Amino acid sequence: MQIPGENHIGATDDKVSLINIPVTARINFLNHFFVNGGVLFDVETGGSSPIDSQNGLGVILGVGAKYSLDNGIGAFANLYTKFHSLVPFTAEFDSYRWRLIEGGLRVGLTYSF
């Protein structure tokens, strides 16, 4: 999809609402580090969007660190990247379709019992 007057790739402030369901696995190494990755099932919600539909299968990849105390409490930090709609659910397949790429940092607390 082309936006009139736009012929470059860059940041935009358009809004897209997605529900994504990740199915991931994590591999731990060196006691405190891990890599994670898996498949995303994306469903776009809300009204019309100025970009191509993001309904489809995507991928999530990440690296992180974790630390656990002897009492079962732990903490983690996880850098991740999500690639949305690599395999679209629509019948129209266009190698030039717009795909969202999302990056972020997750931090959290864990408890093991």
C-alpha atoms as a PDB file:
ATOM      1  CA  MET A   1       0.000   0.000   0.000  1.00  0.00           C
ATOM      2  CA  GLN A   2       1.325   3.443  -0.832  1.00  0.00           C
ATOM      3  CA  ILE A   3       0.369   6.651   0.889  1.00  0.00           C
ATOM      4  CA  PRO A   4       0.183   9.546  -1.591  1.00  0.00           C
ATOM      5  CA  GLY A   5       3.248  11.744  -1.365  1.00  0.00           C
ATOM      6  CA  GLU A   6       5.171   9.176   0.694  1.00  0.00           C
ATOM      7  CA  ASN A   7       7.940   7.186  -0.958  1.00  0.00           C
ATOM      8  CA  HIS A   8      10.197   6.374   1.969  1.00  0.00           C
ATOM      9  CA  ILE A   9      10.257   4.091   4.960  1.00  0.00           C
ATOM     10  CA  GLY A  10      10.156   5.842   8.299  1.00  0.00           C
ATOM     11  CA  ALA A  11       8.406   6.405  11.567  1.00  0.00           C
ATOM     12  CA  THR A  12       4.735   7.262  11.661  1.00  0.00           C
ATOM     13  CA  ASP A  13       2.248   8.031  14.405  1.00  0.00           C
ATOM     14  CA  ASP A  14      -0.663   5.973  13.023  1.00  0.00           C
ATOM     15  CA  LYS A  15      -2.395   3.673  15.492  1.00  0.00           C
ATOM     16  CA  VAL A  16      -2.952  -0.066  15.062  1.00  0.00           C
ATOM     17  CA  SER A  17      -4.634  -2.270  17.672  1.00  0.00           C
ATOM     18  CA  LEU A  18      -3.542  -5.900  17.776  1.00  0.00           C
ATOM     19  CA  ILE A  19      -4.285  -8.896  19.911  1.00  0.00           C
ATOM     20  CA  ASN A  20      -1.365 -11.264  19.684  1.00  0.00           C
ATOM     21  CA  ILE A  21      -1.084 -14.689  21.215  1.00  0.00           C
ATOM     22  CA  PRO A  22       2.531 -15.814  21.612  1.00  0.00           C
ATOM     23  CA  VAL A  23       3.604 -19.463  21.731  1.00  0.00           C
ATOM     24  CA  THR A  24       7.233 -19.353  22.849  1.00  0.00           C
ATOM     25  CA  ALA A  25      10.073 -21.390  24.287  1.00  0.00           C
ATOM     26  CA  ARG A  26      13.006 -20.317  26.430  1.00  0.00           C
ATOM     27  CA  ILE A  27      16.504 -21.796  26.569  1.00  0.00           C
ATOM     28  CA  ASN A  28      18.546 -20.983  29.678  1.00  0.00           C
ATOM     29  CA  PHE A  29      22.351 -20.854  29.669  1.00  0.00           C
ATOM     30  CA  LEU A  30      25.181 -19.753  31.993  1.00  0.00           C
ATOM     31  CA  ASN A  31      22.818 -19.832  35.036  1.00  0.00           C
ATOM     32  CA  HIS A  32      21.514 -16.267  34.572  1.00  0.00           C
ATOM     33  CA  PHE A  33      20.850 -15.788  30.845  1.00  0.00           C
ATOM     34  CA  PHE A  34      18.306 -17.003  28.319  1.00  0.00           C
ATOM     35  CA  VAL A  35      17.158 -16.726  24.716  1.00  0.00           C
ATOM     36  CA  ASN A  36      13.506 -16.995  23.801  1.00  0.00           C
ATOM     37  CA  GLY A  37      11.513 -17.197  20.620  1.00  0.00           C
ATOM     38  CA  GLY A  38       8.366 -18.465  19.038  1.00  0.00           C
ATOM     39  CA  VAL A  39       5.314 -17.817  16.921  1.00  0.00           C
ATOM     40  CA  LEU A  40       2.769 -14.987  17.231  1.00  0.00           C
ATOM     41  CA  PHE A  41      -0.861 -15.325  16.210  1.00  0.00           C
ATOM     42  CA  ASP A  42      -1.946 -11.761  15.368  1.00  0.00           C
ATOM     43  CA  VAL A  43      -5.512 -10.465  15.046  1.00  0.00           C
ATOM     44  CA  GLU A  44      -6.040  -6.794  14.291  1.00  0.00           C
ATOM     45  CA  THR A  45      -8.851  -5.157  16.270  1.00  0.00           C
ATOM     46  CA  GLY A  46     -10.541  -1.827  15.906  1.00  0.00           C
ATOM     47  CA  GLY A  47     -11.499   0.120  12.830  1.00  0.00           C
ATOM     48  CA  SER A  48      -9.718   0.803   9.605  1.00  0.00           C
ATOM     49  CA  SER A  49      -5.998   1.364   9.582  1.00  0.00           C
ATOM     50  CA  PRO A  50      -3.858   3.264   7.056  1.00  0.00           C
ATOM     51  CA  ILE A  51      -1.465   0.302   6.809  1.00  0.00           C
ATOM     52  CA  ASP A  52      -1.954  -3.238   5.510  1.00  0.00           C
ATOM     53  CA  SER A  53      -3.775  -5.761   7.678  1.00  0.00           C
ATOM     54  CA  GLN A  54      -1.549  -7.335  10.328  1.00  0.00           C
ATOM     55  CA  ASN A  55      -3.723 -10.456  10.738  1.00  0.00           C
ATOM     56  CA  GLY A  56      -1.442 -13.462  10.427  1.00  0.00           C
ATOM     57  CA  LEU A  57       1.490 -15.347  11.861  1.00  0.00           C
ATOM     58  CA  GLY A  58       4.543 -13.549  13.151  1.00  0.00           C
ATOM     59  CA  VAL A  59       7.719 -14.279  15.084  1.00  0.00           C
ATOM     60  CA  ILE A  60       9.075 -13.136  18.445  1.00  0.00           C
ATOM     61  CA  LEU A  61      12.791 -13.334  19.333  1.00  0.00           C
ATOM     62  CA  GLY A  62      14.533 -12.194  22.498  1.00  0.00           C
ATOM     63  CA  VAL A  63      17.447 -12.374  24.912  1.00  0.00           C
ATOM     64  CA  GLY A  64      17.411 -11.798  28.624  1.00  0.00           C
ATOM     65  CA  ALA A  65      18.855 -12.206  32.072  1.00  0.00           C
ATOM     66  CA  LYS A  66      17.310 -13.592  35.244  1.00  0.00           C
ATOM     67  CA  TYR A  67      18.262 -13.844  38.878  1.00  0.00           C
ATOM     68  CA  SER A  68      16.595 -16.056  41.485  1.00  0.00           C
ATOM     69  CA  LEU A  69      16.970 -15.906  45.258  1.00  0.00           C
ATOM     70  CA  ASP A  70      16.931 -18.992  47.480  1.00  0.00           C
ATOM     71  CA  ASN A  71      13.422 -18.135  48.753  1.00  0.00           C
ATOM     72  CA  GLY A  72      11.907 -18.572  45.251  1.00  0.00           C
ATOM     73  CA  ILE A  73      11.621 -14.892  44.358  1.00  0.00           C
ATOM     74  CA  GLY A  74      13.359 -13.801  41.175  1.00  0.00           C
ATOM     75  CA  ALA A  75      13.595 -10.999  38.650  1.00  0.00           C
ATOM     76  CA  PHE A  76      14.160 -10.888  34.908  1.00  0.00           C
ATOM     77  CA  ALA A  77      14.794  -8.453  32.067  1.00  0.00           C
ATOM     78  CA  ASN A  78      14.038  -9.465  28.473  1.00  0.00           C
ATOM     79  CA  LEU A  79      14.842  -7.530  25.290  1.00  0.00           C
ATOM     80  CA  TYR A  80      12.564  -8.686  22.472  1.00  0.00           C
ATOM     81  CA  THR A  81      11.609  -8.022  18.870  1.00  0.00           C
ATOM     82  CA  LYS A  82       8.263  -8.974  17.323  1.00  0.00           C
ATOM     83  CA  PHE A  83       7.820  -9.314  13.564  1.00  0.00           C
ATOM     84  CA  HIS A  84       4.077  -9.179  12.799  1.00  0.00           C
ATOM     85  CA  SER A  85       2.183 -10.738   9.860  1.00  0.00           C
ATOM     86  CA  LEU A  86       5.104 -12.519   8.183  1.00  0.00           C
ATOM     87  CA  VAL A  87       2.520 -15.034   6.934  1.00  0.00           C
ATOM     88  CA  PRO A  88      -0.752 -13.111   6.452  1.00  0.00           C
ATOM     89  CA  PHE A  89      -4.176 -14.717   6.948  1.00  0.00           C
ATOM     90  CA  THR A  90      -5.543 -12.922   3.864  1.00  0.00           C
ATOM     91  CA  ALA A  91      -5.695 -14.547   0.438  1.00  0.00           C
ATOM     92  CA  GLU A  92      -3.809 -11.638  -1.110  1.00  0.00           C
ATOM     93  CA  PHE A  93      -0.065 -12.169  -0.750  1.00  0.00           C
ATOM     94  CA  ASP A  94       2.045  -9.180  -1.602  1.00  0.00           C
ATOM     95  CA  SER A  95       5.781  -9.241  -0.951  1.00  0.00           C
ATOM     96  CA  TYR A  96       5.626  -5.451  -0.561  1.00  0.00           C
ATOM     97  CA  ARG A  97       2.994  -5.400   2.189  1.00  0.00           C
ATOM     98  CA  TRP A  98       3.690  -3.293   5.262  1.00  0.00           C
ATOM     99  CA  ARG A  99       4.661  -5.352   8.293  1.00  0.00           C
ATOM    100  CA  LEU A 100       4.991  -4.015  11.799  1.00  0.00           C
ATOM    101  CA  ILE A 101       8.215  -4.604  13.699  1.00  0.00           C
ATOM    102  CA  GLU A 102       7.984  -4.003  17.422  1.00  0.00           C
ATOM    103  CA  GLY A 103      10.802  -3.939  19.950  1.00  0.00           C
ATOM    104  CA  GLY A 104      10.770  -3.588  23.675  1.00  0.00           C
ATOM    105  CA  LEU A 105      12.025  -4.458  27.119  1.00  0.00           C
ATOM    106  CA  ARG A 106      10.056  -6.574  29.581  1.00  0.00           C
ATOM    107  CA  VAL A 107      10.993  -6.590  33.244  1.00  0.00           C
ATOM    108  CA  GLY A 108       9.271  -8.560  35.928  1.00  0.00           C
ATOM    109  CA  LEU A 109       9.266 -10.532  39.134  1.00  0.00           C
ATOM    110  CA  THR A 110       8.835 -14.295  39.414  1.00  0.00           C
ATOM    111  CA  TYR A 111       8.036 -16.692  42.196  1.00  0.00           C
ATOM    112  CA  SER A 112       8.837 -20.417  42.169  1.00  0.00           C
ATOM    113  CA  PHE A 113       7.280 -22.786  44.672  1.00  0.00           C
END
